[in-house]
Protein backbone atom coordinates (compact mmCIF):
# COMPACT_ATOMS: atom_id res chain seq x y z
CA MET A 1 77.99 -7.82 49.99
CA LEU A 2 79.42 -7.70 46.61
CA ARG A 3 78.75 -10.27 43.98
CA PRO A 4 81.28 -11.40 41.36
CA ASP A 5 81.14 -11.11 37.52
CA HIS A 6 83.33 -12.14 34.64
CA THR A 7 87.05 -11.36 34.54
CA SER A 8 87.30 -11.47 30.77
CA THR A 9 86.38 -8.06 29.28
CA GLY A 10 85.00 -9.97 26.28
CA ASN A 11 82.22 -10.97 28.58
CA LEU A 12 81.46 -7.85 30.56
CA THR A 13 77.94 -8.84 31.52
CA ARG A 14 75.69 -7.30 34.17
CA GLY A 15 75.80 -10.00 36.78
CA VAL A 16 77.45 -7.84 39.34
CA ARG A 17 76.53 -4.41 38.05
CA SER A 18 73.19 -3.91 39.74
CA VAL A 19 74.48 -4.96 43.13
CA VAL A 20 77.53 -2.73 42.80
CA LEU A 21 75.49 0.32 41.78
CA ARG A 22 72.98 -0.21 44.59
CA MET A 23 75.88 -0.37 47.08
CA PHE A 24 77.48 2.79 45.76
CA ALA A 25 74.14 4.64 45.81
CA ALA A 26 73.37 3.41 49.31
CA LEU A 27 76.81 4.40 50.45
CA LEU A 28 76.12 8.11 49.78
CA VAL A 29 72.83 7.82 51.70
CA THR A 30 74.44 6.16 54.60
CA ALA A 31 77.42 8.46 54.65
CA ALA A 32 75.24 11.54 54.59
CA PHE A 33 74.03 10.67 58.06
CA GLN A 34 77.41 10.12 59.65
CA GLY A 35 78.23 13.77 60.11
CA GLY A 36 76.93 14.08 63.67
CA VAL A 37 79.13 11.27 64.90
CA ALA A 38 82.35 13.15 64.43
CA GLY A 39 81.19 16.13 66.58
CA ALA A 40 81.39 14.47 69.92
CA ALA A 41 84.85 14.55 71.46
CA VAL A 42 84.71 11.80 74.05
CA GLU A 43 87.84 10.54 75.56
CA THR A 44 87.64 6.71 75.34
CA VAL A 45 90.08 3.93 76.11
CA ASP A 46 90.02 1.76 73.02
CA ARG A 47 89.87 -1.98 73.48
CA ILE A 48 90.14 -5.02 71.36
CA ILE A 49 86.80 -6.79 70.83
CA ALA A 50 87.82 -9.36 68.19
CA VAL A 51 91.10 -10.88 66.88
CA ILE A 52 90.96 -11.89 63.15
CA ASN A 53 94.20 -13.80 62.22
CA ASP A 54 96.93 -11.18 62.76
CA ASP A 55 94.56 -8.25 62.84
CA VAL A 56 92.09 -6.81 65.44
CA ILE A 57 88.80 -4.98 65.63
CA THR A 58 88.70 -2.35 68.30
CA GLU A 59 85.79 -0.97 70.32
CA LEU A 60 86.02 2.46 68.64
CA GLU A 61 85.96 0.84 65.17
CA PHE A 62 83.05 -1.26 66.17
CA ASP A 63 81.05 1.57 67.67
CA SER A 64 81.63 3.68 64.57
CA GLU A 65 80.35 0.88 62.34
CA LEU A 66 77.37 0.31 64.69
CA LYS A 67 76.37 3.89 64.50
CA ALA A 68 76.63 3.87 60.69
CA ILE A 69 74.47 0.77 60.48
CA ILE A 70 71.81 2.22 62.75
CA ARG A 71 71.62 5.36 60.69
CA ASP A 72 71.37 3.30 57.51
CA LEU A 73 68.58 1.23 58.93
CA ARG A 74 66.67 4.31 59.98
CA THR A 75 67.20 5.99 56.64
CA SER A 76 65.83 2.87 54.80
CA GLY A 77 62.96 2.59 57.24
CA THR A 78 64.09 -0.88 58.44
CA PRO A 79 63.20 -1.56 62.11
CA ILE A 80 66.31 -1.78 64.32
CA PRO A 81 66.84 -5.30 65.86
CA LYS A 82 67.46 -5.89 69.48
CA SER A 83 70.81 -4.60 70.67
CA ASN A 84 72.48 -8.03 71.10
CA VAL A 85 71.24 -9.17 67.70
CA LEU A 86 72.40 -5.95 66.04
CA ARG A 87 75.81 -6.14 67.71
CA ARG A 88 76.38 -9.75 66.70
CA GLN A 89 75.36 -9.04 63.06
CA ALA A 90 77.44 -5.92 62.87
CA LEU A 91 80.56 -7.65 64.29
CA GLU A 92 80.18 -10.60 61.94
CA ARG A 93 79.88 -8.23 58.98
CA MET A 94 83.11 -6.54 60.07
CA ILE A 95 84.93 -9.78 60.49
CA VAL A 96 83.95 -11.10 56.99
CA GLU A 97 85.00 -7.78 55.47
CA ARG A 98 88.33 -7.86 57.29
CA LEU A 99 89.06 -11.42 56.27
CA GLN A 100 88.52 -10.58 52.65
CA LEU A 101 90.79 -7.50 52.87
CA GLN A 102 93.47 -9.56 54.49
CA TYR A 103 93.23 -12.17 51.69
CA ALA A 104 93.35 -9.48 49.04
CA ASP A 105 96.47 -8.03 50.63
CA ARG A 106 98.09 -11.50 50.57
CA VAL A 107 97.50 -12.00 46.91
CA GLY A 108 98.67 -8.54 45.98
CA ILE A 109 95.53 -6.68 45.07
CA ARG A 110 96.05 -2.95 45.19
CA ILE A 111 93.73 -0.03 44.43
CA ASP A 112 95.39 3.24 43.55
CA GLU A 113 93.98 6.73 43.95
CA ASN A 114 92.89 7.04 40.29
CA MET A 115 90.63 4.02 40.79
CA VAL A 116 89.18 5.62 43.92
CA ASP A 117 88.59 8.77 41.89
CA ALA A 118 86.59 6.71 39.41
CA ALA A 119 84.51 5.23 42.20
CA VAL A 120 83.75 8.65 43.54
CA GLU A 121 82.55 9.66 40.05
CA SER A 122 80.30 6.61 39.99
CA VAL A 123 78.81 7.58 43.36
CA ALA A 124 78.22 11.08 42.08
CA GLN A 125 76.55 9.83 38.87
CA GLN A 126 74.30 7.45 40.70
CA ASN A 127 73.10 10.35 42.88
CA LYS A 128 72.80 12.59 39.76
CA LEU A 129 75.45 14.91 40.99
CA SER A 130 78.78 16.17 39.67
CA VAL A 131 81.85 15.34 41.78
CA ALA A 132 82.00 19.00 42.89
CA GLN A 133 78.32 18.85 43.94
CA LEU A 134 79.03 15.58 45.78
CA GLU A 135 81.87 17.13 47.74
CA GLN A 136 79.65 20.09 48.61
CA VAL A 137 77.01 17.69 49.98
CA MET A 138 79.65 15.83 51.92
CA GLN A 139 81.09 19.05 53.33
CA ARG A 140 77.55 20.25 54.27
CA ASP A 141 76.70 17.02 56.05
CA GLY A 142 80.01 16.69 57.82
CA ILE A 143 81.22 13.63 55.98
CA GLU A 144 84.93 13.04 56.29
CA ARG A 145 86.33 12.93 52.80
CA ASP A 146 89.20 10.56 53.72
CA LEU A 147 86.88 8.09 55.43
CA PHE A 148 84.44 8.17 52.49
CA ARG A 149 87.35 7.41 50.04
CA GLU A 150 88.68 4.59 52.26
CA THR A 151 85.25 3.01 52.34
CA LEU A 152 85.20 3.07 48.58
CA ARG A 153 88.69 1.72 48.33
CA LYS A 154 87.84 -1.25 50.52
CA GLN A 155 84.75 -2.02 48.39
CA LEU A 156 86.92 -1.89 45.20
CA VAL A 157 89.49 -4.20 46.79
CA ILE A 158 86.84 -6.76 47.62
CA ARG A 159 85.23 -6.48 44.23
CA ARG A 160 88.63 -7.17 42.55
CA LEU A 161 89.19 -10.00 44.90
CA VAL A 162 85.86 -11.71 44.09
CA GLU A 163 86.45 -11.22 40.37
CA ARG A 164 89.73 -13.04 40.81
CA GLU A 165 88.71 -15.79 43.14
CA ILE A 166 85.15 -16.50 41.97
CA ASN A 167 84.45 -15.25 38.47
CA ALA A 168 87.34 -16.87 36.72
CA LYS A 169 86.24 -20.30 38.05
CA VAL A 170 82.64 -20.14 36.88
CA ALA A 171 81.86 -21.92 33.66
CA VAL A 172 78.48 -22.47 31.90
CA SER A 173 78.24 -25.15 29.24
CA PRO A 174 76.07 -25.05 26.15
CA ALA A 175 74.26 -28.18 27.61
CA GLU A 176 73.42 -26.22 30.75
CA ILE A 177 71.97 -23.37 28.67
CA ASP A 178 69.89 -25.89 26.56
CA ALA A 179 68.58 -27.55 29.70
CA PHE A 180 67.72 -24.22 31.28
CA LEU A 181 65.78 -23.05 28.22
CA ALA A 182 63.94 -26.34 28.03
CA THR A 183 62.60 -25.93 31.50
CA GLN A 184 61.49 -22.31 31.08
CA GLY A 185 58.00 -21.48 29.92
CA ALA A 186 57.43 -19.00 26.97
CA GLY A 187 58.10 -15.48 28.04
CA THR A 188 59.50 -16.23 31.48
CA LEU A 189 63.08 -15.32 30.76
CA GLU A 190 62.35 -11.66 31.09
CA ILE A 191 60.37 -11.86 34.30
CA GLU A 192 62.30 -10.40 37.24
CA TYR A 193 61.65 -10.99 40.91
CA ASP A 194 62.42 -8.71 43.89
CA ILE A 195 62.81 -11.08 46.84
CA SER A 196 64.07 -11.11 50.40
CA HIS A 197 65.15 -14.17 52.27
CA LEU A 198 65.88 -15.43 55.88
CA LEU A 199 68.46 -18.11 56.55
CA VAL A 200 69.11 -20.16 59.61
CA THR A 201 72.27 -22.12 58.84
CA VAL A 202 72.72 -25.79 59.69
CA SER A 203 74.88 -28.31 57.89
CA GLU A 204 73.52 -31.50 56.29
CA SER A 205 75.66 -33.55 58.74
CA ALA A 206 74.36 -31.70 61.89
CA SER A 207 73.27 -33.71 64.84
CA ALA A 208 69.64 -34.19 65.55
CA ALA A 209 69.84 -31.76 68.47
CA THR A 210 71.49 -28.99 66.30
CA LEU A 211 69.02 -29.65 63.54
CA GLY A 212 66.14 -29.36 66.02
CA ALA A 213 67.38 -26.12 67.44
CA ALA A 214 67.74 -24.59 64.00
CA ARG A 215 64.21 -25.68 62.97
CA GLN A 216 62.83 -24.24 66.19
CA ARG A 217 64.64 -20.90 65.45
CA VAL A 218 63.25 -20.65 61.85
CA ASP A 219 59.75 -21.68 62.98
CA GLU A 220 59.81 -18.94 65.56
CA ALA A 221 60.86 -16.47 62.87
CA HIS A 222 58.06 -17.65 60.57
CA ARG A 223 55.48 -17.35 63.34
CA LYS A 224 56.57 -13.76 64.08
CA ALA A 225 56.33 -12.82 60.41
CA SER A 226 52.90 -14.48 60.15
CA GLN A 227 51.74 -12.39 63.17
CA GLY A 228 52.54 -9.19 61.28
CA VAL A 229 56.06 -8.35 62.39
CA ALA A 230 57.77 -6.62 59.51
CA PHE A 231 59.67 -9.24 57.49
CA GLY A 232 62.83 -7.10 57.39
CA GLN A 233 62.80 -6.89 61.19
CA VAL A 234 62.41 -10.63 61.54
CA VAL A 235 65.25 -11.13 59.06
CA ALA A 236 67.54 -8.78 60.93
CA GLU A 237 66.79 -10.61 64.22
CA TYR A 238 66.92 -14.25 63.09
CA SER A 239 68.76 -14.54 59.83
CA GLU A 240 72.42 -15.69 59.72
CA ALA A 241 72.99 -14.57 56.14
CA GLN A 242 75.45 -11.80 55.25
CA ASP A 243 72.57 -9.54 54.10
CA ALA A 244 70.62 -9.84 57.35
CA LEU A 245 71.00 -6.20 58.29
CA GLU A 246 69.51 -5.21 54.87
CA GLY A 247 66.41 -7.22 55.71
CA GLY A 248 67.61 -10.02 53.51
CA ARG A 249 66.93 -8.04 50.36
CA MET A 250 68.37 -9.71 47.33
CA GLY A 251 67.09 -7.10 44.86
CA TRP A 252 65.86 -7.74 41.36
CA ARG A 253 66.80 -11.09 39.90
CA LYS A 254 65.65 -12.99 36.82
CA ALA A 255 64.47 -16.56 37.33
CA GLY A 256 67.71 -18.20 36.33
CA GLN A 257 69.67 -16.07 38.80
CA LEU A 258 67.64 -17.47 41.71
CA PRO A 259 68.43 -20.78 43.44
CA THR A 260 65.89 -23.30 42.16
CA LEU A 261 64.67 -23.74 45.67
CA PHE A 262 63.92 -20.02 45.96
CA LEU A 263 62.14 -19.96 42.55
CA GLN A 264 59.96 -22.85 43.60
CA ALA A 265 59.24 -21.29 47.00
CA ILE A 266 57.82 -18.06 45.44
CA GLN A 267 55.68 -19.77 42.77
CA GLY A 268 52.06 -18.90 43.53
CA LEU A 269 52.96 -16.09 45.92
CA GLU A 270 51.55 -12.58 45.48
CA PRO A 271 53.78 -9.56 46.15
CA GLY A 272 54.14 -9.07 49.90
CA GLU A 273 53.63 -12.85 50.72
CA PHE A 274 56.29 -15.18 51.98
CA SER A 275 56.91 -18.89 51.73
CA GLY A 276 56.77 -21.61 54.32
CA VAL A 277 60.00 -22.93 55.75
CA VAL A 278 62.12 -24.67 53.08
CA ARG A 279 65.29 -26.75 53.51
CA SER A 280 68.55 -26.52 51.57
CA PRO A 281 72.10 -27.92 52.10
CA ASN A 282 72.95 -24.58 53.89
CA GLY A 283 70.03 -24.66 56.30
CA PHE A 284 66.36 -23.46 56.58
CA HIS A 285 65.03 -20.56 54.51
CA ILE A 286 61.99 -18.34 54.32
CA VAL A 287 61.57 -16.47 51.03
CA ARG A 288 59.42 -13.31 50.53
CA LEU A 289 58.22 -12.08 47.17
CA ASN A 290 58.40 -8.25 47.21
CA SER A 291 57.51 -7.63 43.59
CA ARG A 292 57.76 -8.95 40.04
CA ARG A 293 58.11 -7.34 36.65
CA GLY A 294 58.91 -8.36 33.07
CA GLY A 295 58.90 -7.75 29.33
CA ALA A 296 61.46 -6.75 26.69
CA GLU A 297 61.74 -5.67 23.06
CA ASN A 298 62.98 -8.22 20.54
CA VAL A 299 64.41 -5.72 18.01
CA VAL A 300 67.39 -3.71 19.24
CA ILE A 301 70.35 -1.70 17.83
CA GLN A 302 73.47 -3.75 18.13
CA SER A 303 77.05 -2.45 17.85
CA ARG A 304 80.02 -4.43 16.58
CA VAL A 305 82.84 -3.49 18.89
CA ARG A 306 86.59 -3.87 19.12
CA HIS A 307 88.76 -2.81 22.08
CA ILE A 308 92.22 -2.71 23.37
CA LEU A 309 92.68 -3.23 27.14
CA ILE A 310 95.75 -2.43 29.24
CA GLN A 311 95.61 -2.91 33.01
CA PRO A 312 97.54 -0.69 35.43
CA THR A 313 100.10 -2.46 37.64
CA GLU A 314 102.46 -1.49 40.35
CA LEU A 315 105.12 -0.96 37.67
CA LEU A 316 102.79 0.83 35.23
CA ASN A 317 100.43 3.26 36.84
CA GLU A 318 97.13 4.47 35.33
CA GLU A 319 98.52 7.73 33.84
CA GLU A 320 101.25 5.81 32.12
CA VAL A 321 98.74 3.38 30.72
CA ARG A 322 96.56 6.29 29.56
CA GLN A 323 99.56 7.83 27.75
CA ARG A 324 100.39 4.58 26.13
CA LEU A 325 96.84 4.11 24.80
CA LEU A 326 96.79 7.72 23.51
CA ARG A 327 99.93 6.91 21.49
CA VAL A 328 98.24 3.79 20.16
CA ARG A 329 95.11 5.82 19.34
CA GLN A 330 97.27 8.29 17.39
CA ARG A 331 98.81 5.44 15.37
CA ILE A 332 95.30 4.25 14.43
CA ALA A 333 94.41 7.84 13.39
CA ASP A 334 97.57 7.83 11.24
CA GLY A 335 96.33 4.74 9.39
CA GLU A 336 97.59 1.71 11.28
CA ASP A 337 95.06 -1.21 11.64
CA PHE A 338 93.14 -1.39 14.98
CA ALA A 339 93.25 -5.19 14.94
CA ASP A 340 97.02 -5.34 14.46
CA LEU A 341 97.55 -2.98 17.37
CA ALA A 342 95.09 -4.91 19.49
CA ARG A 343 97.09 -8.11 18.91
CA LEU A 344 100.22 -6.29 19.97
CA TYR A 345 99.03 -4.41 23.00
CA SER A 346 95.73 -5.64 24.35
CA GLU A 347 95.81 -7.63 27.66
CA ASP A 348 92.36 -9.11 27.12
CA ARG A 349 93.41 -12.68 26.30
CA ALA A 350 89.86 -13.68 25.17
CA THR A 351 89.80 -11.14 22.31
CA ARG A 352 93.44 -10.32 21.60
CA VAL A 353 93.90 -12.99 19.02
CA ASN A 354 90.83 -11.76 17.17
CA GLY A 355 92.16 -8.22 17.01
CA GLY A 356 90.14 -7.03 19.98
CA ASP A 357 86.85 -8.02 18.43
CA LEU A 358 84.02 -8.31 21.10
CA GLY A 359 81.43 -9.18 18.37
CA TRP A 360 77.92 -7.82 18.17
CA ILE A 361 76.92 -6.19 21.51
CA SER A 362 73.32 -5.58 22.49
CA PRO A 363 72.16 -2.83 24.82
CA GLY A 364 72.71 -3.67 28.50
CA ALA A 365 75.40 -6.35 27.83
CA MET A 366 78.36 -4.26 28.97
CA PHE A 367 79.30 -2.43 32.16
CA PRO A 368 77.91 1.15 32.38
CA ASP A 369 81.20 3.12 31.87
CA PHE A 370 82.09 0.98 28.83
CA GLU A 371 78.54 1.19 27.36
CA ARG A 372 78.26 4.98 27.98
CA ALA A 373 81.56 5.53 25.95
CA MET A 374 80.44 3.02 23.27
CA ASP A 375 77.13 4.70 22.74
CA LYS A 376 78.76 8.06 22.06
CA LEU A 377 80.75 6.76 19.14
CA GLU A 378 79.82 6.61 15.49
CA PRO A 379 81.02 3.69 13.30
CA GLY A 380 84.70 4.12 12.50
CA MET A 381 85.40 6.27 15.57
CA VAL A 382 87.91 5.25 18.36
CA SER A 383 87.30 6.49 21.92
CA GLU A 384 89.66 8.27 24.29
CA PRO A 385 91.08 5.87 26.94
CA ILE A 386 88.05 4.74 29.01
CA ARG A 387 88.41 3.46 32.61
CA THR A 388 86.48 0.48 33.82
CA GLN A 389 87.09 -1.92 36.72
CA PHE A 390 89.20 -4.03 34.35
CA GLY A 391 91.59 -1.31 33.30
CA LEU A 392 91.72 1.21 30.55
CA HIS A 393 90.33 0.61 27.07
CA LEU A 394 90.31 2.07 23.63
CA ILE A 395 86.94 1.32 22.02
CA GLU A 396 86.14 1.22 18.33
CA ILE A 397 82.63 0.94 16.82
CA VAL A 398 82.99 -1.09 13.57
CA GLU A 399 79.30 -0.91 12.58
CA ARG A 400 75.75 -0.92 13.85
CA ARG A 401 72.65 -2.82 12.87
CA GLU A 402 69.03 -3.54 13.85
CA LYS A 403 68.62 -7.16 14.95
CA ASP A 404 65.74 -9.38 16.04
CA ILE A 405 67.53 -11.04 18.88
CA LYS A 406 64.82 -13.30 20.45
CA ALA A 407 66.72 -16.58 20.18
CA GLU A 408 70.12 -15.02 20.75
CA ARG A 409 68.80 -12.96 23.65
CA ASP A 410 67.23 -15.99 25.22
CA ARG A 411 70.53 -17.87 25.15
CA ASN A 412 72.45 -14.84 26.46
CA ILE A 413 69.89 -14.31 29.23
CA ALA A 414 70.11 -18.01 30.17
CA LEU A 415 73.91 -17.72 30.22
CA GLN A 416 73.90 -14.65 32.34
CA GLN A 417 71.27 -16.00 34.75
CA ILE A 418 73.04 -19.35 35.22
CA ARG A 419 76.37 -17.64 35.68
CA ALA A 420 74.98 -15.10 38.21
CA ARG A 421 73.40 -17.91 40.18
CA LYS A 422 76.60 -19.95 40.17
CA THR A 423 78.74 -16.99 41.10
CA ASP A 424 76.49 -16.07 44.06
CA GLU A 425 76.51 -19.68 45.29
CA ASN A 426 80.25 -19.95 44.91
CA TYR A 427 80.87 -16.59 46.55
CA GLU A 428 78.78 -17.57 49.57
CA GLN A 429 80.65 -20.92 49.83
CA TRP A 430 84.04 -19.24 49.44
CA VAL A 431 83.22 -16.72 52.19
CA ARG A 432 82.15 -19.52 54.52
CA GLN A 433 85.34 -21.46 53.81
CA LEU A 434 87.39 -18.38 54.33
CA ARG A 435 85.65 -17.75 57.61
CA ASP A 436 86.04 -21.43 58.79
CA GLU A 437 89.74 -21.50 57.96
CA SER A 438 90.62 -18.31 59.72
CA TYR A 439 91.45 -17.62 63.35
CA VAL A 440 88.70 -15.48 64.99
CA GLU A 441 88.61 -14.78 68.71
CA TYR A 442 85.74 -12.82 70.21
CA ARG A 443 86.31 -10.49 73.19
CA MET A 444 82.86 -8.99 73.36
CA ASP A 445 82.83 -9.69 77.14
CA GLN A 446 85.10 -6.68 77.56
CA LEU A 447 82.32 -4.28 76.40
């Protein structure tokens, strides 16, 4: 499941980056095992197994998704849950994805072929391949190119949707940062935790009977995990979270990115241990600490950066944007002021009034494509048009410096961690609301 990040390019932080990159990398691994599915030519009467608003999920679509999930679980070494549990989880995942795609279509989010090309390049880079090598691997393993690109397109649509619906509404005040820093011990901001979690949902207003049934379910899950059943297998069988089929793995998070309840639950745990049952407004949780790490340098090389951003639209495609930026770049080379042109052309409202000035940027503060292009430049140089998820940019390095960023970094880390936690929480709430407000009819009895 994708997580949101900031919409303003002036704040291109890494809140979503690690999740997106993991997803792209995992996609290649999963896709590499789908080749054998296409070989069997079985004549099947397709049937509807779920209705989602004005759309449907068919049996053939569901079976294809199920096979991909099973191969992914086998590849990752995650035990496969019981058939009925797996089918329920797989169908729910498809429903949530379909609802988000429907919503994105209603609000006019479109992903063109150039954006898909960029996603293919990202997959190749994450697997340390060129695009040509990636295509050779896909051909060798029988991966359908069109299906692969369509999967990427859907992921990009959902990412753009989440940026629009979640990120723009997340705010972090200086007072929140001050309070966060006041509660953190010295040296803890750089500590990262790799955790997994199990969730059995129940609302705060649930009846005593519903609450008791949920508690019984989570207690049974905890008992199985305590008896030595793999935590990932228990999660896949019992958890009702969107990441259940991934074993509830949340990946590496800093302390501030974790719900306070989770952070409290893992205090005192050694890697490999899991908490008791803990209650939240969403239900009952079990949290497992997989690993922890930490540490960072205080002195870094910072770059003062300016940029000009133009976003492709239905009326102005990516190639037209590229040509427009190339003309702007030539005007800069001919002596016109970068800041003046940024005020005229840039669509980044947060920095346009300042001539595109992003300020002093520390390593790791920007998205990978932006940062890779930035790192190649010397002071005074202007990049070729660079594509990111926000559009196309011209980037200028004004100057560089060494900086002891302890205090600044602590505040920036606090900002990022609080924002990431809020965006995760808001996203989960938004998905639940979208699910609750939609018409979903199950027809699994037909299978």
